[in-house]
Amino acid sequence: MLTDLVDRRLRDPAHLKALRKQMATAKPFPHLVAESMFNPVLLELVREEFDLEQTTHLHALRTSHESTYRSPIRPDLGPATQLYFGVVNSGWFIEMLAFVSETSDLIPDVSLFGGGMHETRAGGAFDVHRDFDRHPHTGLLNEMVFITYLNRDWNPQWKGALELWDMNRKACVTTVLPEFGRSILMKRTPDSFHGHPHPLNPPEGLTRRSVASYYYSNPEGLEARSKRGGAVFVVRKPVDRVKSIVRMLVPPIVWAVLRRTVGH
């Protein structure tokens, strides 16, 4: 059942308030680490789909700062992975993230730019960095990333722990092991430096796997929103003509107050 795909507590206001407080007080920048947000059967199927799709759908990213594999933009995902991203990009889930992170008007990215399926193999790493600020195609502002890990019984000696660094980029403050079923929500701020910079050293055949989704906002749209037009009807009543004249004469902020006071 769809209601069994996620932790039922994610619909409990008291639980969400606790998560909100946890995120707001987290160091070194706002983030939330949560366990068992998703049904483990779903995550196990997502994990298996890496093996089904990795040869054709995961692209190697190799630079002086990164050696990982990721799915391309608008990936052709397996059914379980599609279901996972359908959940995390659904309206109620986004509203939950918006409440917990105290960020309004979040916008999902169904193209999964920068997100999707992530895998790091032996010797791979991702240097400490701050995420990109704008979506390259839409220009929307990157607000946060949500990651769920898919690795069972992860040994710290294998490296691969996510490190959250201080604002001066001098030292790691918090580490998060990429353990199966563990999710992390990270706000993008001027100081949100993170990565897994140490080369992965797992047993032969084992990789570090996760799924990630970014969320955006459109701050430039606030002004446009105040100037937006409504539906235009062919047959106009006298009261509509009066409203049009008033709207042209008063500032947008006054018009918004009038609408709330007297209705449409």
C-alpha atoms as a PDB file:
ATOM      1  CA  MET A   1       0.000   0.000   0.000  1.00  0.00           C
ATOM      2  CA  LEU A   2       1.170   3.539  -0.713  1.00  0.00           C
ATOM      3  CA  THR A   3       0.619   4.434   2.932  1.00  0.00           C
ATOM      4  CA  ASP A   4       3.138   1.755   3.911  1.00  0.00           C
ATOM      5  CA  LEU A   5       5.972   3.177   1.796  1.00  0.00           C
ATOM      6  CA  VAL A   6       6.964   5.800   4.364  1.00  0.00           C
ATOM      7  CA  ASP A   7       7.139   6.155   8.124  1.00  0.00           C
ATOM      8  CA  ARG A   8       3.642   7.083   9.307  1.00  0.00           C
ATOM      9  CA  ARG A   9       5.162   9.533  11.777  1.00  0.00           C
ATOM     10  CA  LEU A  10       5.940  11.843   8.849  1.00  0.00           C
ATOM     11  CA  ARG A  11       2.264  12.827   8.962  1.00  0.00           C
ATOM     12  CA  ASP A  12       2.314  13.446  12.730  1.00  0.00           C
ATOM     13  CA  PRO A  13       2.558  17.193  13.526  1.00  0.00           C
ATOM     14  CA  ALA A  14       4.314  16.569  16.844  1.00  0.00           C
ATOM     15  CA  HIS A  15       6.974  14.410  15.194  1.00  0.00           C
ATOM     16  CA  LEU A  16       7.503  16.975  12.445  1.00  0.00           C
ATOM     17  CA  LYS A  17       7.949  19.740  15.001  1.00  0.00           C
ATOM     18  CA  ALA A  18      10.665  17.666  16.673  1.00  0.00           C
ATOM     19  CA  LEU A  19      12.414  17.169  13.325  1.00  0.00           C
ATOM     20  CA  ARG A  20      12.134  20.891  12.621  1.00  0.00           C
ATOM     21  CA  LYS A  21      13.837  21.742  15.893  1.00  0.00           C
ATOM     22  CA  GLN A  22      16.522  19.134  15.277  1.00  0.00           C
ATOM     23  CA  MET A  23      17.312  20.586  11.872  1.00  0.00           C
ATOM     24  CA  ALA A  24      17.351  24.202  13.054  1.00  0.00           C
ATOM     25  CA  THR A  25      19.849  23.465  15.823  1.00  0.00           C
ATOM     26  CA  ALA A  26      22.103  21.075  13.883  1.00  0.00           C
ATOM     27  CA  LYS A  27      25.781  21.938  13.470  1.00  0.00           C
ATOM     28  CA  PRO A  28      27.725  23.053  11.511  1.00  0.00           C
ATOM     29  CA  PHE A  29      24.810  24.105   9.242  1.00  0.00           C
ATOM     30  CA  PRO A  30      21.099  23.218   9.094  1.00  0.00           C
ATOM     31  CA  HIS A  31      20.632  19.546   8.322  1.00  0.00           C
ATOM     32  CA  LEU A  32      18.536  16.613   9.434  1.00  0.00           C
ATOM     33  CA  VAL A  33      19.588  12.975   9.779  1.00  0.00           C
ATOM     34  CA  ALA A  34      16.627  10.588  10.018  1.00  0.00           C
ATOM     35  CA  GLU A  35      16.364   6.824  10.222  1.00  0.00           C
ATOM     36  CA  SER A  36      13.838   4.511   8.551  1.00  0.00           C
ATOM     37  CA  MET A  37      11.806   7.128   6.723  1.00  0.00           C
ATOM     38  CA  PHE A  38      11.050   4.588   3.981  1.00  0.00           C
ATOM     39  CA  ASN A  39       9.889   0.995   3.885  1.00  0.00           C
ATOM     40  CA  PRO A  40      13.053  -1.170   3.820  1.00  0.00           C
ATOM     41  CA  VAL A  41      11.517  -3.456   1.189  1.00  0.00           C
ATOM     42  CA  LEU A  42      11.236  -0.492  -1.187  1.00  0.00           C
ATOM     43  CA  LEU A  43      14.827   0.556  -0.506  1.00  0.00           C
ATOM     44  CA  GLU A  44      16.109  -2.981  -1.008  1.00  0.00           C
ATOM     45  CA  LEU A  45      14.455  -3.065  -4.433  1.00  0.00           C
ATOM     46  CA  VAL A  46      15.988   0.315  -5.282  1.00  0.00           C
ATOM     47  CA  ARG A  47      19.374  -1.025  -4.236  1.00  0.00           C
ATOM     48  CA  GLU A  48      18.969  -4.059  -6.486  1.00  0.00           C
ATOM     49  CA  GLU A  49      18.100  -1.846  -9.445  1.00  0.00           C
ATOM     50  CA  PHE A  50      21.616  -0.406  -9.381  1.00  0.00           C
ATOM     51  CA  ASP A  51      22.795  -3.802 -10.583  1.00  0.00           C
ATOM     52  CA  LEU A  52      20.133  -3.907 -13.293  1.00  0.00           C
ATOM     53  CA  GLU A  53      20.814  -0.440 -14.661  1.00  0.00           C
ATOM     54  CA  GLN A  54      24.372   0.546 -13.831  1.00  0.00           C
ATOM     55  CA  THR A  55      26.036  -0.420 -17.132  1.00  0.00           C
ATOM     56  CA  THR A  56      23.692   1.703 -19.256  1.00  0.00           C
ATOM     57  CA  HIS A  57      22.401   4.413 -16.931  1.00  0.00           C
ATOM     58  CA  LEU A  58      25.200   5.452 -14.578  1.00  0.00           C
ATOM     59  CA  HIS A  59      27.722   7.890 -16.014  1.00  0.00           C
ATOM     60  CA  ALA A  60      31.262   8.146 -14.680  1.00  0.00           C
ATOM     61  CA  LEU A  61      32.243  11.556 -13.257  1.00  0.00           C
ATOM     62  CA  ARG A  62      35.998  11.816 -12.936  1.00  0.00           C
ATOM     63  CA  THR A  63      37.699  15.115 -12.118  1.00  0.00           C
ATOM     64  CA  SER A  64      40.498  16.197  -9.822  1.00  0.00           C
ATOM     65  CA  HIS A  65      37.847  16.563  -7.084  1.00  0.00           C
ATOM     66  CA  GLU A  66      35.405  13.733  -7.770  1.00  0.00           C
ATOM     67  CA  SER A  67      35.335  10.099  -8.844  1.00  0.00           C
ATOM     68  CA  THR A  68      31.754   8.834  -8.750  1.00  0.00           C
ATOM     69  CA  TYR A  69      28.962   7.441 -10.926  1.00  0.00           C
ATOM     70  CA  ARG A  70      25.547   9.056 -11.372  1.00  0.00           C
ATOM     71  CA  SER A  71      22.432   8.613 -13.414  1.00  0.00           C
ATOM     72  CA  PRO A  72      21.974  11.165 -16.224  1.00  0.00           C
ATOM     73  CA  ILE A  73      19.397  13.942 -16.256  1.00  0.00           C
ATOM     74  CA  ARG A  74      15.854  12.627 -16.849  1.00  0.00           C
ATOM     75  CA  PRO A  75      16.970   9.028 -16.257  1.00  0.00           C
ATOM     76  CA  ASP A  76      15.052   5.931 -17.305  1.00  0.00           C
ATOM     77  CA  LEU A  77      14.714   4.367 -13.854  1.00  0.00           C
ATOM     78  CA  GLY A  78      13.578   0.975 -12.666  1.00  0.00           C
ATOM     79  CA  PRO A  79      10.072   0.684 -11.159  1.00  0.00           C
ATOM     80  CA  ALA A  80      11.115   0.735  -7.495  1.00  0.00           C
ATOM     81  CA  THR A  81      13.413   3.725  -8.032  1.00  0.00           C
ATOM     82  CA  GLN A  82      10.658   5.543  -9.892  1.00  0.00           C
ATOM     83  CA  LEU A  83       8.366   4.856  -6.962  1.00  0.00           C
ATOM     84  CA  TYR A  84      10.901   6.258  -4.495  1.00  0.00           C
ATOM     85  CA  PHE A  85      11.305   9.480  -6.479  1.00  0.00           C
ATOM     86  CA  GLY A  86       7.550   9.671  -6.963  1.00  0.00           C
ATOM     87  CA  VAL A  87       7.236   9.783  -3.180  1.00  0.00           C
ATOM     88  CA  VAL A  88       9.999  12.327  -2.461  1.00  0.00           C
ATOM     89  CA  ASN A  89       8.763  14.629  -5.232  1.00  0.00           C
ATOM     90  CA  SER A  90       5.093  14.336  -4.271  1.00  0.00           C
ATOM     91  CA  GLY A  91       3.142  17.310  -2.953  1.00  0.00           C
ATOM     92  CA  TRP A  92       2.712  16.130   0.626  1.00  0.00           C
ATOM     93  CA  PHE A  93       6.376  15.086   0.962  1.00  0.00           C
ATOM     94  CA  ILE A  94       7.572  18.463  -0.327  1.00  0.00           C
ATOM     95  CA  GLU A  95       5.252  20.233   2.106  1.00  0.00           C
ATOM     96  CA  MET A  96       6.740  18.113   4.882  1.00  0.00           C
ATOM     97  CA  LEU A  97      10.281  19.091   3.844  1.00  0.00           C
ATOM     98  CA  ALA A  98       9.232  22.739   3.618  1.00  0.00           C
ATOM     99  CA  PHE A  99       7.883  22.647   7.172  1.00  0.00           C
ATOM    100  CA  VAL A 100      10.857  20.811   8.642  1.00  0.00           C
ATOM    101  CA  SER A 101      13.389  23.087   6.922  1.00  0.00           C
ATOM    102  CA  GLU A 102      11.362  26.276   7.397  1.00  0.00           C
ATOM    103  CA  THR A 103      11.545  26.990   3.665  1.00  0.00           C
ATOM    104  CA  SER A 104       8.431  28.072   1.788  1.00  0.00           C
ATOM    105  CA  ASP A 105       7.392  27.391  -1.816  1.00  0.00           C
ATOM    106  CA  LEU A 106       9.748  24.480  -2.518  1.00  0.00           C
ATOM    107  CA  ILE A 107       9.893  23.313  -6.135  1.00  0.00           C
ATOM    108  CA  PRO A 108      10.875  19.718  -7.042  1.00  0.00           C
ATOM    109  CA  ASP A 109      13.009  18.805 -10.029  1.00  0.00           C
ATOM    110  CA  VAL A 110      11.573  15.797 -11.839  1.00  0.00           C
ATOM    111  CA  SER A 111      14.546  15.854 -14.234  1.00  0.00           C
ATOM    112  CA  LEU A 112      16.747  14.933 -11.227  1.00  0.00           C
ATOM    113  CA  PHE A 113      19.621  17.174 -12.303  1.00  0.00           C
ATOM    114  CA  GLY A 114      22.551  16.368 -10.002  1.00  0.00           C
ATOM    115  CA  GLY A 115      20.414  13.789  -8.238  1.00  0.00           C
ATOM    116  CA  GLY A 116      19.066  10.369  -9.131  1.00  0.00           C
ATOM    117  CA  MET A 117      21.181   7.292  -8.451  1.00  0.00           C
ATOM    118  CA  HIS A 118      24.669   7.867  -6.999  1.00  0.00           C
ATOM    119  CA  GLU A 119      27.396   5.275  -6.654  1.00  0.00           C
ATOM    120  CA  THR A 120      31.007   5.462  -5.504  1.00  0.00           C
ATOM    121  CA  ARG A 121      33.256   2.498  -6.237  1.00  0.00           C
ATOM    122  CA  ALA A 122      36.586   1.416  -4.772  1.00  0.00           C
ATOM    123  CA  GLY A 123      39.065   4.295  -4.804  1.00  0.00           C
ATOM    124  CA  GLY A 124      36.372   6.882  -5.482  1.00  0.00           C
ATOM    125  CA  ALA A 125      35.744  10.030  -3.438  1.00  0.00           C
ATOM    126  CA  PHE A 126      34.038  13.424  -3.547  1.00  0.00           C
ATOM    127  CA  ASP A 127      36.042  16.325  -2.111  1.00  0.00           C
ATOM    128  CA  VAL A 128      34.502  18.708   0.405  1.00  0.00           C
ATOM    129  CA  HIS A 129      32.407  21.240  -1.498  1.00  0.00           C
ATOM    130  CA  ARG A 130      29.323  23.442  -1.446  1.00  0.00           C
ATOM    131  CA  ASP A 131      26.548  22.477  -3.862  1.00  0.00           C
ATOM    132  CA  PHE A 132      25.718  24.467  -6.990  1.00  0.00           C
ATOM    133  CA  ASP A 133      23.527  27.529  -6.434  1.00  0.00           C
ATOM    134  CA  ARG A 134      21.277  27.491  -9.541  1.00  0.00           C
ATOM    135  CA  HIS A 135      19.677  24.860 -11.720  1.00  0.00           C
ATOM    136  CA  PRO A 136      21.474  25.229 -15.086  1.00  0.00           C
ATOM    137  CA  HIS A 137      18.281  24.885 -17.135  1.00  0.00           C
ATOM    138  CA  THR A 138      15.574  26.615 -15.089  1.00  0.00           C
ATOM    139  CA  GLY A 139      17.694  29.134 -13.191  1.00  0.00           C
ATOM    140  CA  LEU A 140      15.882  28.230  -9.958  1.00  0.00           C
ATOM    141  CA  LEU A 141      17.707  28.672  -6.646  1.00  0.00           C
ATOM    142  CA  ASN A 142      18.995  25.447  -5.083  1.00  0.00           C
ATOM    143  CA  GLU A 143      17.574  25.272  -1.561  1.00  0.00           C
ATOM    144  CA  MET A 144      18.429  21.764  -0.341  1.00  0.00           C
ATOM    145  CA  VAL A 145      19.259  18.177  -1.157  1.00  0.00           C
ATOM    146  CA  PHE A 146      17.645  15.029   0.230  1.00  0.00           C
ATOM    147  CA  ILE A 147      19.695  11.799   0.208  1.00  0.00           C
ATOM    148  CA  THR A 148      18.824   8.247   1.233  1.00  0.00           C
ATOM    149  CA  TYR A 149      21.582   5.667   1.676  1.00  0.00           C
ATOM    150  CA  LEU A 150      21.331   2.042   0.569  1.00  0.00           C
ATOM    151  CA  ASN A 151      24.344   0.316   2.160  1.00  0.00           C
ATOM    152  CA  ARG A 152      23.902  -2.409   4.755  1.00  0.00           C
ATOM    153  CA  ASP A 153      26.267  -2.730   7.731  1.00  0.00           C
ATOM    154  CA  TRP A 154      28.664  -0.059   6.544  1.00  0.00           C
ATOM    155  CA  ASN A 155      32.069  -0.286   8.217  1.00  0.00           C
ATOM    156  CA  PRO A 156      33.704   3.094   9.004  1.00  0.00           C
ATOM    157  CA  GLN A 157      37.063   1.599   8.032  1.00  0.00           C
ATOM    158  CA  TRP A 158      35.820   1.430   4.433  1.00  0.00           C
ATOM    159  CA  LYS A 159      35.697   5.275   4.419  1.00  0.00           C
ATOM    160  CA  GLY A 160      32.814   6.914   2.543  1.00  0.00           C
ATOM    161  CA  ALA A 161      31.250   8.676   5.528  1.00  0.00           C
ATOM    162  CA  LEU A 162      29.655  12.010   4.649  1.00  0.00           C
ATOM    163  CA  GLU A 163      31.576  14.812   6.349  1.00  0.00           C
ATOM    164  CA  LEU A 164      30.008  18.166   7.265  1.00  0.00           C
ATOM    165  CA  TRP A 165      32.687  20.843   7.655  1.00  0.00           C
ATOM    166  CA  ASP A 166      32.864  24.115   9.534  1.00  0.00           C
ATOM    167  CA  MET A 167      32.256  27.450   7.813  1.00  0.00           C
ATOM    168  CA  ASN A 168      36.005  28.126   7.550  1.00  0.00           C
ATOM    169  CA  ARG A 169      36.567  24.818   5.727  1.00  0.00           C
ATOM    170  CA  LYS A 170      39.206  23.879   8.285  1.00  0.00           C
ATOM    171  CA  ALA A 171      37.813  20.734   9.918  1.00  0.00           C
ATOM    172  CA  CYS A 172      35.038  18.160   9.860  1.00  0.00           C
ATOM    173  CA  VAL A 173      32.399  18.811  12.522  1.00  0.00           C
ATOM    174  CA  THR A 174      29.921  15.967  11.898  1.00  0.00           C
ATOM    175  CA  THR A 175      30.133  12.630  10.091  1.00  0.00           C
ATOM    176  CA  VAL A 176      27.224  10.587   8.763  1.00  0.00           C
ATOM    177  CA  LEU A 177      27.768   6.942   7.874  1.00  0.00           C
ATOM    178  CA  PRO A 178      25.978   5.959   4.622  1.00  0.00           C
ATOM    179  CA  GLU A 179      23.963   3.244   6.370  1.00  0.00           C
ATOM    180  CA  PHE A 180      20.947   1.543   4.783  1.00  0.00           C
ATOM    181  CA  GLY A 181      17.710   3.459   5.378  1.00  0.00           C
ATOM    182  CA  ARG A 182      19.411   6.570   6.721  1.00  0.00           C
ATOM    183  CA  SER A 183      18.352   9.848   5.086  1.00  0.00           C
ATOM    184  CA  ILE A 184      19.861  13.307   5.318  1.00  0.00           C
ATOM    185  CA  LEU A 185      18.320  16.644   4.376  1.00  0.00           C
ATOM    186  CA  MET A 186      20.862  19.447   3.926  1.00  0.00           C
ATOM    187  CA  LYS A 187      20.092  23.112   3.400  1.00  0.00           C
ATOM    188  CA  ARG A 188      22.312  24.857   0.898  1.00  0.00           C
ATOM    189  CA  THR A 189      23.845  27.853   2.647  1.00  0.00           C
ATOM    190  CA  PRO A 190      27.013  29.916   2.045  1.00  0.00           C
ATOM    191  CA  ASP A 191      28.712  27.638   4.593  1.00  0.00           C
ATOM    192  CA  SER A 192      27.227  24.198   3.812  1.00  0.00           C
ATOM    193  CA  PHE A 193      30.485  22.434   2.959  1.00  0.00           C
ATOM    194  CA  HIS A 194      30.329  18.650   2.804  1.00  0.00           C
ATOM    195  CA  GLY A 195      31.700  15.623   0.993  1.00  0.00           C
ATOM    196  CA  HIS A 196      33.234  12.175   1.404  1.00  0.00           C
ATOM    197  CA  PRO A 197      36.844  13.068   0.602  1.00  0.00           C
ATOM    198  CA  HIS A 198      38.676   9.872   1.570  1.00  0.00           C
ATOM    199  CA  PRO A 199      39.140   7.213  -1.148  1.00  0.00           C
ATOM    200  CA  LEU A 200      36.689   4.361  -0.694  1.00  0.00           C
ATOM    201  CA  ASN A 201      38.226   1.099   0.493  1.00  0.00           C
ATOM    202  CA  PRO A 202      35.414  -1.489   0.717  1.00  0.00           C
ATOM    203  CA  PRO A 203      35.618  -5.265   0.239  1.00  0.00           C
ATOM    204  CA  GLU A 204      35.797  -6.404  -3.369  1.00  0.00           C
ATOM    205  CA  GLY A 205      32.525  -5.897  -5.218  1.00  0.00           C
ATOM    206  CA  LEU A 206      30.993  -3.550  -2.636  1.00  0.00           C
ATOM    207  CA  THR A 207      30.078   0.033  -3.536  1.00  0.00           C
ATOM    208  CA  ARG A 208      28.611   3.084  -1.794  1.00  0.00           C
ATOM    209  CA  ARG A 209      25.064   3.696  -3.067  1.00  0.00           C
ATOM    210  CA  SER A 210      22.467   6.390  -2.502  1.00  0.00           C
ATOM    211  CA  VAL A 211      19.575   8.203  -4.166  1.00  0.00           C
ATOM    212  CA  ALA A 212      19.324  11.989  -4.108  1.00  0.00           C
ATOM    213  CA  SER A 213      16.850  14.711  -4.985  1.00  0.00           C
ATOM    214  CA  TYR A 214      17.269  18.493  -5.037  1.00  0.00           C
ATOM    215  CA  TYR A 215      14.636  21.110  -4.251  1.00  0.00           C
ATOM    216  CA  TYR A 216      14.489  24.703  -5.435  1.00  0.00           C
ATOM    217  CA  SER A 217      12.797  28.063  -4.979  1.00  0.00           C
ATOM    218  CA  ASN A 218      12.084  31.031  -7.240  1.00  0.00           C
ATOM    219  CA  PRO A 219      12.794  34.205  -5.232  1.00  0.00           C
ATOM    220  CA  GLU A 220      12.605  36.341  -8.373  1.00  0.00           C
ATOM    221  CA  GLY A 221       9.026  35.166  -8.769  1.00  0.00           C
ATOM    222  CA  LEU A 222       7.879  37.028  -5.647  1.00  0.00           C
ATOM    223  CA  GLU A 223       7.648  40.311  -7.530  1.00  0.00           C
ATOM    224  CA  ALA A 224       6.040  38.670 -10.524  1.00  0.00           C
ATOM    225  CA  ARG A 225       3.550  36.985  -8.214  1.00  0.00           C
ATOM    226  CA  SER A 226       2.328  40.353  -6.931  1.00  0.00           C
ATOM    227  CA  LYS A 227       1.685  41.450 -10.520  1.00  0.00           C
ATOM    228  CA  ARG A 228       0.087  38.279 -11.775  1.00  0.00           C
ATOM    229  CA  GLY A 229      -3.204  38.476 -13.639  1.00  0.00           C
ATOM    230  CA  GLY A 230      -6.242  36.340 -13.062  1.00  0.00           C
ATOM    231  CA  ALA A 231      -8.697  34.758 -15.467  1.00  0.00           C
ATOM    232  CA  VAL A 232     -10.204  37.113 -18.051  1.00  0.00           C
ATOM    233  CA  PHE A 233     -13.867  36.601 -18.906  1.00  0.00           C
ATOM    234  CA  VAL A 234     -15.529  37.710 -22.146  1.00  0.00           C
ATOM    235  CA  VAL A 235     -18.708  38.903 -20.420  1.00  0.00           C
ATOM    236  CA  ARG A 236     -17.775  41.430 -17.766  1.00  0.00           C
ATOM    237  CA  LYS A 237     -20.058  42.721 -15.075  1.00  0.00           C
ATOM    238  CA  PRO A 238     -20.011  46.338 -13.840  1.00  0.00           C
ATOM    239  CA  VAL A 239     -18.339  45.252 -10.598  1.00  0.00           C
ATOM    240  CA  ASP A 240     -15.512  43.679 -12.628  1.00  0.00           C
ATOM    241  CA  ARG A 241     -14.885  46.985 -14.420  1.00  0.00           C
ATOM    242  CA  VAL A 242     -14.720  48.773 -11.076  1.00  0.00           C
ATOM    243  CA  LYS A 243     -12.232  46.212  -9.768  1.00  0.00           C
ATOM    244  CA  SER A 244     -10.033  46.657 -12.854  1.00  0.00           C
ATOM    245  CA  ILE A 245      -9.950  50.434 -12.383  1.00  0.00           C
ATOM    246  CA  VAL A 246      -9.147  50.131  -8.668  1.00  0.00           C
ATOM    247  CA  ARG A 247      -6.391  47.639  -9.331  1.00  0.00           C
ATOM    248  CA  MET A 248      -4.735  50.008 -11.812  1.00  0.00           C
ATOM    249  CA  LEU A 249      -4.870  52.882  -9.335  1.00  0.00           C
ATOM    250  CA  VAL A 250      -3.650  51.256  -6.107  1.00  0.00           C
ATOM    251  CA  PRO A 251      -0.231  49.726  -5.307  1.00  0.00           C
ATOM    252  CA  PRO A 252      -0.018  45.898  -5.507  1.00  0.00           C
ATOM    253  CA  ILE A 253       0.348  45.515  -1.738  1.00  0.00           C
ATOM    254  CA  VAL A 254      -2.836  47.541  -1.138  1.00  0.00           C
ATOM    255  CA  TRP A 255      -4.677  45.498  -3.761  1.00  0.00           C
ATOM    256  CA  ALA A 256      -3.633  42.279  -1.991  1.00  0.00           C
ATOM    257  CA  VAL A 257      -5.034  43.603   1.303  1.00  0.00           C
ATOM    258  CA  LEU A 258      -8.300  44.614  -0.382  1.00  0.00           C
ATOM    259  CA  ARG A 259      -8.696  41.161  -1.914  1.00  0.00           C
ATOM    260  CA  ARG A 260      -8.251  39.465   1.442  1.00  0.00           C
ATOM    261  CA  THR A 261     -10.704  41.900   3.053  1.00  0.00           C
ATOM    262  CA  VAL A 262     -13.572  41.912   0.549  1.00  0.00           C
ATOM    263  CA  GLY A 263     -12.902  38.688  -1.360  1.00  0.00           C
ATOM    264  CA  HIS A 264     -12.650  38.132  -5.118  1.00  0.00           C
END
